[in-house]
């Protein structure tokens, strides 16, 4: 379950960085926005890769969760694309990105993570831990 705790803590960091990005976009300073996009990408990409490599891989083996996991992976791709758009100067995408990010995190924290806690026994958690890459160092502020 420490993996879930890690992912939830990373969600907090990601949401905080999203707030920084929202404020940067509102300030209309391209350099500040670019740095905020970079910081969020630095947090988001390793996080989603770790989720997919470990917990999502093991959950997707159960037909009951396969489609749900696929949809979450598709959301990861959509979030990456939206963040890239913001990084290219299309800051009007920011409100939709933030909504999508928050809905996605809610689906994980209030749907997938509790489902995993119920569905997994010790051996599944051991596999999740073994497949999950270690956390990366936090991005500089």
N, C-alpha and C. Protein backbone atom coordinates (compact mmCIF):
# COMPACT_ATOMS: atom_id res chain seq x y z
N UNK A 1 0.82 -1.19 0.00
CA UNK A 1 0.00 0.00 0.00
C UNK A 1 0.86 1.26 0.00
N UNK A 2 2.15 1.12 0.24
CA UNK A 2 3.01 2.30 0.20
C UNK A 2 3.04 2.91 -1.19
N UNK A 3 2.82 2.10 -2.22
CA UNK A 3 2.77 2.62 -3.58
C UNK A 3 1.60 3.58 -3.72
N UNK A 4 0.46 3.24 -3.17
CA UNK A 4 -0.72 4.11 -3.23
C UNK A 4 -0.43 5.41 -2.49
N UNK A 5 0.18 5.32 -1.33
CA UNK A 5 0.56 6.52 -0.59
C UNK A 5 1.49 7.41 -1.39
N UNK A 6 2.44 6.80 -2.05
CA UNK A 6 3.36 7.56 -2.91
C UNK A 6 2.60 8.27 -4.01
N UNK A 7 1.72 7.52 -4.71
CA UNK A 7 0.98 8.12 -5.81
C UNK A 7 0.08 9.26 -5.33
N UNK A 8 -0.53 9.10 -4.17
CA UNK A 8 -1.39 10.15 -3.65
C UNK A 8 -0.56 11.38 -3.26
N UNK A 9 0.60 11.19 -2.69
CA UNK A 9 1.48 12.32 -2.37
C UNK A 9 1.94 13.02 -3.64
N UNK A 10 2.23 12.24 -4.68
CA UNK A 10 2.61 12.84 -5.95
C UNK A 10 1.44 13.62 -6.56
N UNK A 11 0.21 13.13 -6.36
CA UNK A 11 -0.95 13.87 -6.83
C UNK A 11 -1.01 15.26 -6.19
N UNK A 12 -0.70 15.34 -4.92
CA UNK A 12 -0.70 16.64 -4.23
C UNK A 12 0.33 17.57 -4.89
N UNK A 13 1.53 17.06 -5.13
CA UNK A 13 2.56 17.87 -5.79
C UNK A 13 2.12 18.30 -7.19
N UNK A 14 1.48 17.39 -7.91
CA UNK A 14 1.02 17.68 -9.27
C UNK A 14 -0.07 18.76 -9.25
N UNK A 15 -1.01 18.64 -8.34
CA UNK A 15 -2.08 19.65 -8.23
C UNK A 15 -1.49 21.01 -7.83
N UNK A 16 -0.54 21.02 -6.92
CA UNK A 16 0.10 22.28 -6.54
C UNK A 16 0.82 22.90 -7.73
N UNK A 17 1.52 22.09 -8.51
CA UNK A 17 2.21 22.60 -9.70
C UNK A 17 1.20 23.07 -10.74
N UNK A 18 0.05 22.44 -10.81
CA UNK A 18 -1.01 22.86 -11.73
C UNK A 18 -1.50 24.25 -11.33
N UNK A 19 -1.64 24.50 -10.04
CA UNK A 19 -2.02 25.83 -9.57
C UNK A 19 -0.99 26.88 -9.97
N UNK A 20 0.29 26.51 -9.84
CA UNK A 20 1.36 27.42 -10.28
C UNK A 20 1.23 27.71 -11.77
N UNK A 21 0.92 26.69 -12.54
CA UNK A 21 0.76 26.87 -13.99
C UNK A 21 -0.44 27.75 -14.29
N UNK A 22 -1.54 27.53 -13.59
CA UNK A 22 -2.74 28.36 -13.80
C UNK A 22 -2.39 29.83 -13.56
N UNK A 23 -1.69 30.12 -12.46
CA UNK A 23 -1.31 31.50 -12.16
C UNK A 23 -0.34 32.05 -13.21
N UNK A 24 0.57 31.20 -13.69
CA UNK A 24 1.51 31.64 -14.72
C UNK A 24 0.76 31.98 -16.01
N UNK A 25 -0.19 31.16 -16.39
CA UNK A 25 -0.97 31.43 -17.60
C UNK A 25 -1.76 32.73 -17.45
N UNK A 26 -2.31 32.97 -16.28
CA UNK A 26 -3.07 34.19 -16.04
C UNK A 26 -2.17 35.42 -16.11
N UNK A 27 -0.90 35.25 -15.73
CA UNK A 27 0.04 36.36 -15.77
C UNK A 27 0.55 36.68 -17.16
N UNK A 28 0.32 35.80 -18.10
CA UNK A 28 0.66 36.01 -19.51
C UNK A 28 2.14 36.26 -19.75
N UNK A 29 3.01 35.74 -18.89
CA UNK A 29 4.46 35.83 -19.10
C UNK A 29 4.91 34.49 -19.68
N UNK A 30 5.32 34.48 -20.94
CA UNK A 30 5.65 33.24 -21.64
C UNK A 30 6.78 32.48 -20.95
N UNK A 31 7.77 33.16 -20.43
CA UNK A 31 8.88 32.46 -19.77
C UNK A 31 8.43 31.81 -18.46
N UNK A 32 7.64 32.52 -17.69
CA UNK A 32 7.13 31.96 -16.43
C UNK A 32 6.22 30.77 -16.73
N UNK A 33 5.39 30.91 -17.75
CA UNK A 33 4.50 29.80 -18.14
C UNK A 33 5.32 28.60 -18.60
N UNK A 34 6.34 28.83 -19.38
CA UNK A 34 7.19 27.75 -19.88
C UNK A 34 7.85 27.00 -18.72
N UNK A 35 8.35 27.74 -17.75
CA UNK A 35 8.96 27.09 -16.58
C UNK A 35 7.93 26.28 -15.79
N UNK A 36 6.72 26.82 -15.65
CA UNK A 36 5.66 26.11 -14.93
C UNK A 36 5.24 24.85 -15.67
N UNK A 37 5.17 24.92 -17.00
CA UNK A 37 4.86 23.73 -17.80
C UNK A 37 5.95 22.69 -17.60
N UNK A 38 7.21 23.11 -17.66
CA UNK A 38 8.33 22.18 -17.49
C UNK A 38 8.31 21.51 -16.13
N UNK A 39 8.01 22.27 -15.09
CA UNK A 39 7.95 21.70 -13.74
C UNK A 39 6.83 20.66 -13.65
N UNK A 40 5.68 21.00 -14.21
CA UNK A 40 4.56 20.06 -14.16
C UNK A 40 4.86 18.81 -14.99
N UNK A 41 5.47 18.98 -16.15
CA UNK A 41 5.86 17.81 -16.95
C UNK A 41 6.84 16.94 -16.17
N UNK A 42 7.77 17.57 -15.46
CA UNK A 42 8.77 16.86 -14.68
C UNK A 42 8.12 16.00 -13.58
N UNK A 43 7.00 16.45 -13.08
CA UNK A 43 6.26 15.69 -12.06
C UNK A 43 5.31 14.67 -12.68
N UNK A 44 4.61 15.08 -13.73
CA UNK A 44 3.52 14.28 -14.28
C UNK A 44 4.01 13.07 -15.06
N UNK A 45 4.99 13.25 -15.92
CA UNK A 45 5.40 12.14 -16.79
C UNK A 45 5.97 10.94 -16.02
N UNK A 46 6.90 11.14 -15.08
CA UNK A 46 7.37 9.96 -14.34
C UNK A 46 6.26 9.33 -13.48
N UNK A 47 5.36 10.17 -12.99
CA UNK A 47 4.26 9.67 -12.16
C UNK A 47 3.35 8.75 -12.97
N UNK A 48 2.91 9.22 -14.14
CA UNK A 48 2.00 8.40 -14.94
C UNK A 48 2.70 7.15 -15.46
N UNK A 49 3.97 7.27 -15.80
CA UNK A 49 4.72 6.08 -16.24
C UNK A 49 4.81 5.05 -15.13
N UNK A 50 5.04 5.51 -13.90
CA UNK A 50 5.13 4.59 -12.76
C UNK A 50 3.78 3.92 -12.49
N UNK A 51 2.70 4.69 -12.56
CA UNK A 51 1.37 4.09 -12.36
C UNK A 51 1.12 2.99 -13.40
N UNK A 52 1.41 3.31 -14.66
CA UNK A 52 1.13 2.37 -15.73
C UNK A 52 2.01 1.13 -15.64
N UNK A 53 3.27 1.31 -15.25
CA UNK A 53 4.21 0.18 -15.20
C UNK A 53 3.86 -0.81 -14.10
N UNK A 54 3.35 -0.31 -12.98
CA UNK A 54 3.08 -1.17 -11.83
C UNK A 54 1.61 -1.48 -11.64
N UNK A 55 0.92 -0.59 -10.94
CA UNK A 55 -0.46 -0.85 -10.55
C UNK A 55 -1.37 -1.09 -11.76
N UNK A 56 -1.25 -0.27 -12.79
CA UNK A 56 -2.14 -0.44 -13.94
C UNK A 56 -1.89 -1.76 -14.64
N UNK A 57 -0.63 -2.15 -14.76
CA UNK A 57 -0.29 -3.42 -15.42
C UNK A 57 -0.93 -4.59 -14.70
N UNK A 58 -0.80 -4.62 -13.38
CA UNK A 58 -1.34 -5.74 -12.60
C UNK A 58 -2.87 -5.70 -12.61
N UNK A 59 -3.45 -4.52 -12.44
CA UNK A 59 -4.92 -4.44 -12.46
C UNK A 59 -5.50 -4.84 -13.81
N UNK A 60 -4.85 -4.45 -14.89
CA UNK A 60 -5.37 -4.74 -16.23
C UNK A 60 -5.42 -6.22 -16.53
N UNK A 61 -4.70 -7.02 -15.79
CA UNK A 61 -4.74 -8.48 -15.98
C UNK A 61 -6.09 -9.06 -15.57
N UNK A 62 -6.82 -8.33 -14.74
CA UNK A 62 -8.15 -8.77 -14.32
C UNK A 62 -9.17 -8.18 -15.30
N UNK A 63 -9.92 -9.01 -16.00
CA UNK A 63 -10.87 -8.51 -17.00
C UNK A 63 -11.86 -7.47 -16.44
N UNK A 64 -12.10 -7.54 -15.15
CA UNK A 64 -13.01 -6.57 -14.52
C UNK A 64 -12.45 -5.15 -14.58
N UNK A 65 -11.14 -5.01 -14.64
CA UNK A 65 -10.50 -3.69 -14.60
C UNK A 65 -9.86 -3.28 -15.92
N UNK A 66 -9.76 -4.18 -16.87
CA UNK A 66 -8.99 -3.91 -18.10
C UNK A 66 -9.44 -2.64 -18.80
N UNK A 67 -10.71 -2.49 -19.04
CA UNK A 67 -11.20 -1.31 -19.78
C UNK A 67 -11.02 -0.03 -18.96
N UNK A 68 -11.23 -0.11 -17.68
CA UNK A 68 -11.05 1.07 -16.82
C UNK A 68 -9.59 1.54 -16.86
N UNK A 69 -8.67 0.59 -16.79
CA UNK A 69 -7.25 0.92 -16.86
C UNK A 69 -6.92 1.53 -18.21
N UNK A 70 -7.46 0.96 -19.28
CA UNK A 70 -7.24 1.54 -20.62
C UNK A 70 -7.70 2.99 -20.69
N UNK A 71 -8.85 3.26 -20.11
CA UNK A 71 -9.37 4.63 -20.16
C UNK A 71 -8.48 5.58 -19.37
N UNK A 72 -7.94 5.12 -18.25
CA UNK A 72 -7.03 5.97 -17.47
C UNK A 72 -5.73 6.22 -18.23
N UNK A 73 -5.23 5.21 -18.92
CA UNK A 73 -4.02 5.40 -19.74
C UNK A 73 -4.29 6.39 -20.87
N UNK A 74 -5.46 6.32 -21.47
CA UNK A 74 -5.83 7.27 -22.52
C UNK A 74 -5.90 8.68 -21.95
N UNK A 75 -6.39 8.80 -20.74
CA UNK A 75 -6.43 10.12 -20.09
C UNK A 75 -5.01 10.64 -19.86
N UNK A 76 -4.08 9.76 -19.50
CA UNK A 76 -2.68 10.19 -19.35
C UNK A 76 -2.18 10.81 -20.65
N UNK A 77 -2.48 10.16 -21.76
CA UNK A 77 -2.05 10.67 -23.08
C UNK A 77 -2.70 12.01 -23.38
N UNK A 78 -3.97 12.13 -23.08
CA UNK A 78 -4.69 13.39 -23.31
C UNK A 78 -4.10 14.51 -22.46
N UNK A 79 -3.84 14.22 -21.21
CA UNK A 79 -3.25 15.23 -20.32
C UNK A 79 -1.88 15.68 -20.84
N UNK A 80 -1.07 14.73 -21.29
CA UNK A 80 0.24 15.08 -21.85
C UNK A 80 0.09 16.00 -23.06
N UNK A 81 -0.86 15.67 -23.93
CA UNK A 81 -1.07 16.48 -25.14
C UNK A 81 -1.58 17.88 -24.79
N UNK A 82 -2.47 17.96 -23.83
CA UNK A 82 -2.99 19.27 -23.42
C UNK A 82 -1.88 20.11 -22.79
N UNK A 83 -1.05 19.49 -21.98
CA UNK A 83 0.05 20.22 -21.34
C UNK A 83 1.04 20.70 -22.40
N UNK A 84 1.28 19.89 -23.41
CA UNK A 84 2.16 20.30 -24.51
C UNK A 84 1.57 21.51 -25.24
N UNK A 85 0.26 21.52 -25.43
CA UNK A 85 -0.39 22.68 -26.07
C UNK A 85 -0.16 23.95 -25.26
N UNK A 86 -0.32 23.83 -23.96
CA UNK A 86 -0.09 25.00 -23.10
C UNK A 86 1.36 25.44 -23.23
N UNK A 87 2.27 24.48 -23.28
CA UNK A 87 3.69 24.79 -23.45
C UNK A 87 4.00 25.46 -24.77
N UNK A 88 3.16 25.25 -25.75
CA UNK A 88 3.33 25.88 -27.06
C UNK A 88 2.65 27.24 -27.13
N UNK A 89 2.16 27.70 -25.99
CA UNK A 89 1.57 29.03 -25.94
C UNK A 89 0.07 29.08 -26.02
N UNK A 90 -0.58 27.95 -26.14
CA UNK A 90 -2.05 27.92 -26.20
C UNK A 90 -2.61 27.83 -24.78
N UNK A 91 -2.46 28.92 -24.05
CA UNK A 91 -2.84 28.94 -22.63
C UNK A 91 -4.35 28.88 -22.42
N UNK A 92 -5.12 29.11 -23.46
CA UNK A 92 -6.58 28.97 -23.34
C UNK A 92 -6.98 27.53 -23.01
N UNK A 93 -6.07 26.59 -23.22
CA UNK A 93 -6.31 25.18 -22.90
C UNK A 93 -6.26 24.92 -21.38
N UNK A 94 -5.69 25.86 -20.64
CA UNK A 94 -5.44 25.64 -19.21
C UNK A 94 -6.68 25.25 -18.42
N UNK A 95 -7.81 25.94 -18.52
CA UNK A 95 -8.97 25.53 -17.72
C UNK A 95 -9.42 24.10 -18.00
N UNK A 96 -9.44 23.72 -19.26
CA UNK A 96 -9.85 22.35 -19.61
C UNK A 96 -8.82 21.34 -19.10
N UNK A 97 -7.54 21.68 -19.19
CA UNK A 97 -6.50 20.80 -18.68
C UNK A 97 -6.67 20.59 -17.18
N UNK A 98 -6.87 21.67 -16.44
CA UNK A 98 -6.99 21.55 -14.99
C UNK A 98 -8.21 20.72 -14.60
N UNK A 99 -9.32 20.94 -15.27
CA UNK A 99 -10.52 20.13 -14.99
C UNK A 99 -10.25 18.65 -15.27
N UNK A 100 -9.65 18.37 -16.43
CA UNK A 100 -9.36 16.98 -16.80
C UNK A 100 -8.40 16.34 -15.81
N UNK A 101 -7.40 17.08 -15.38
CA UNK A 101 -6.44 16.55 -14.41
C UNK A 101 -7.12 16.21 -13.09
N UNK A 102 -7.95 17.12 -12.61
CA UNK A 102 -8.62 16.88 -11.32
C UNK A 102 -9.61 15.71 -11.40
N UNK A 103 -10.33 15.60 -12.50
CA UNK A 103 -11.26 14.46 -12.68
C UNK A 103 -10.47 13.16 -12.74
N UNK A 104 -9.35 13.19 -13.46
CA UNK A 104 -8.52 12.00 -13.57
C UNK A 104 -8.01 11.55 -12.20
N UNK A 105 -7.47 12.48 -11.45
CA UNK A 105 -6.95 12.13 -10.12
C UNK A 105 -8.07 11.61 -9.24
N UNK A 106 -9.24 12.21 -9.32
CA UNK A 106 -10.38 11.73 -8.53
C UNK A 106 -10.74 10.29 -8.91
N UNK A 107 -10.71 9.98 -10.20
CA UNK A 107 -11.01 8.61 -10.65
C UNK A 107 -10.02 7.61 -10.07
N UNK A 108 -8.76 8.03 -9.98
CA UNK A 108 -7.75 7.13 -9.41
C UNK A 108 -7.92 7.00 -7.89
N UNK A 109 -7.98 8.14 -7.21
CA UNK A 109 -7.99 8.10 -5.75
C UNK A 109 -9.28 7.57 -5.15
N UNK A 110 -10.38 7.79 -5.82
CA UNK A 110 -11.67 7.37 -5.26
C UNK A 110 -12.30 6.20 -6.01
N UNK A 111 -11.58 5.67 -6.99
CA UNK A 111 -12.08 4.53 -7.73
C UNK A 111 -11.05 3.43 -7.82
N UNK A 112 -9.99 3.71 -8.56
CA UNK A 112 -9.00 2.67 -8.85
C UNK A 112 -8.21 2.23 -7.61
N UNK A 113 -7.73 3.18 -6.83
CA UNK A 113 -6.91 2.81 -5.67
C UNK A 113 -7.71 1.99 -4.65
N UNK A 114 -8.92 2.41 -4.30
CA UNK A 114 -9.70 1.56 -3.39
C UNK A 114 -10.02 0.19 -3.99
N UNK A 115 -10.27 0.14 -5.29
CA UNK A 115 -10.54 -1.14 -5.94
C UNK A 115 -9.33 -2.05 -5.85
N UNK A 116 -8.15 -1.49 -6.05
CA UNK A 116 -6.93 -2.29 -5.93
C UNK A 116 -6.76 -2.80 -4.50
N UNK A 117 -7.07 -1.95 -3.54
CA UNK A 117 -6.93 -2.36 -2.14
C UNK A 117 -7.82 -3.56 -1.82
N UNK A 118 -8.96 -3.63 -2.46
CA UNK A 118 -9.88 -4.75 -2.24
C UNK A 118 -9.46 -5.96 -3.08
N UNK A 119 -9.06 -5.73 -4.32
CA UNK A 119 -8.80 -6.83 -5.25
C UNK A 119 -7.46 -7.52 -5.03
N UNK A 120 -6.47 -6.79 -4.57
CA UNK A 120 -5.13 -7.35 -4.47
C UNK A 120 -4.90 -8.04 -3.14
N UNK A 121 -4.24 -9.19 -3.23
CA UNK A 121 -3.72 -9.86 -2.05
C UNK A 121 -2.22 -9.52 -1.97
N UNK A 122 -1.51 -10.16 -1.09
CA UNK A 122 -0.09 -9.86 -0.92
C UNK A 122 0.74 -10.04 -2.17
N UNK A 123 0.49 -11.10 -2.93
CA UNK A 123 1.31 -11.37 -4.10
C UNK A 123 1.13 -10.31 -5.18
N UNK A 124 -0.10 -9.82 -5.35
CA UNK A 124 -0.31 -8.76 -6.34
C UNK A 124 0.42 -7.47 -5.93
N UNK A 125 0.37 -7.14 -4.65
CA UNK A 125 1.08 -5.94 -4.18
C UNK A 125 2.58 -6.10 -4.37
N UNK A 126 3.08 -7.31 -4.14
CA UNK A 126 4.52 -7.55 -4.37
C UNK A 126 4.88 -7.29 -5.83
N UNK A 127 4.02 -7.73 -6.74
CA UNK A 127 4.27 -7.49 -8.17
C UNK A 127 4.18 -6.01 -8.51
N UNK A 128 3.19 -5.32 -7.94
CA UNK A 128 3.07 -3.88 -8.18
C UNK A 128 4.34 -3.17 -7.75
N UNK A 129 4.81 -3.48 -6.56
CA UNK A 129 6.03 -2.85 -6.05
C UNK A 129 7.21 -3.18 -6.94
N UNK A 130 7.33 -4.42 -7.36
CA UNK A 130 8.47 -4.83 -8.19
C UNK A 130 8.45 -4.15 -9.56
N UNK A 131 7.26 -3.91 -10.10
CA UNK A 131 7.14 -3.31 -11.43
C UNK A 131 7.18 -1.79 -11.44
N UNK A 132 6.95 -1.17 -10.29
CA UNK A 132 6.87 0.28 -10.21
C UNK A 132 8.26 0.88 -10.10
N UNK A 133 8.62 1.75 -11.06
CA UNK A 133 9.93 2.41 -10.96
C UNK A 133 10.01 3.27 -9.71
N UNK A 134 11.20 3.47 -9.20
CA UNK A 134 11.34 4.31 -8.02
C UNK A 134 10.93 5.76 -8.32
N UNK A 135 10.55 6.47 -7.28
CA UNK A 135 10.19 7.88 -7.43
C UNK A 135 11.40 8.67 -7.89
N UNK A 136 11.12 9.66 -8.70
CA UNK A 136 12.20 10.56 -9.14
C UNK A 136 12.33 11.69 -8.13
N UNK A 137 13.41 12.40 -8.22
CA UNK A 137 13.61 13.53 -7.32
C UNK A 137 12.65 14.64 -7.69
N UNK A 138 12.18 15.39 -6.70
CA UNK A 138 11.26 16.49 -7.02
C UNK A 138 11.94 17.54 -7.89
N UNK A 139 11.13 18.19 -8.67
CA UNK A 139 11.64 19.25 -9.55
C UNK A 139 12.03 20.47 -8.72
N UNK A 140 13.01 21.21 -9.17
CA UNK A 140 13.32 22.45 -8.47
C UNK A 140 12.16 23.42 -8.58
N UNK A 141 11.98 24.22 -7.56
CA UNK A 141 10.86 25.19 -7.53
C UNK A 141 11.09 26.29 -8.55
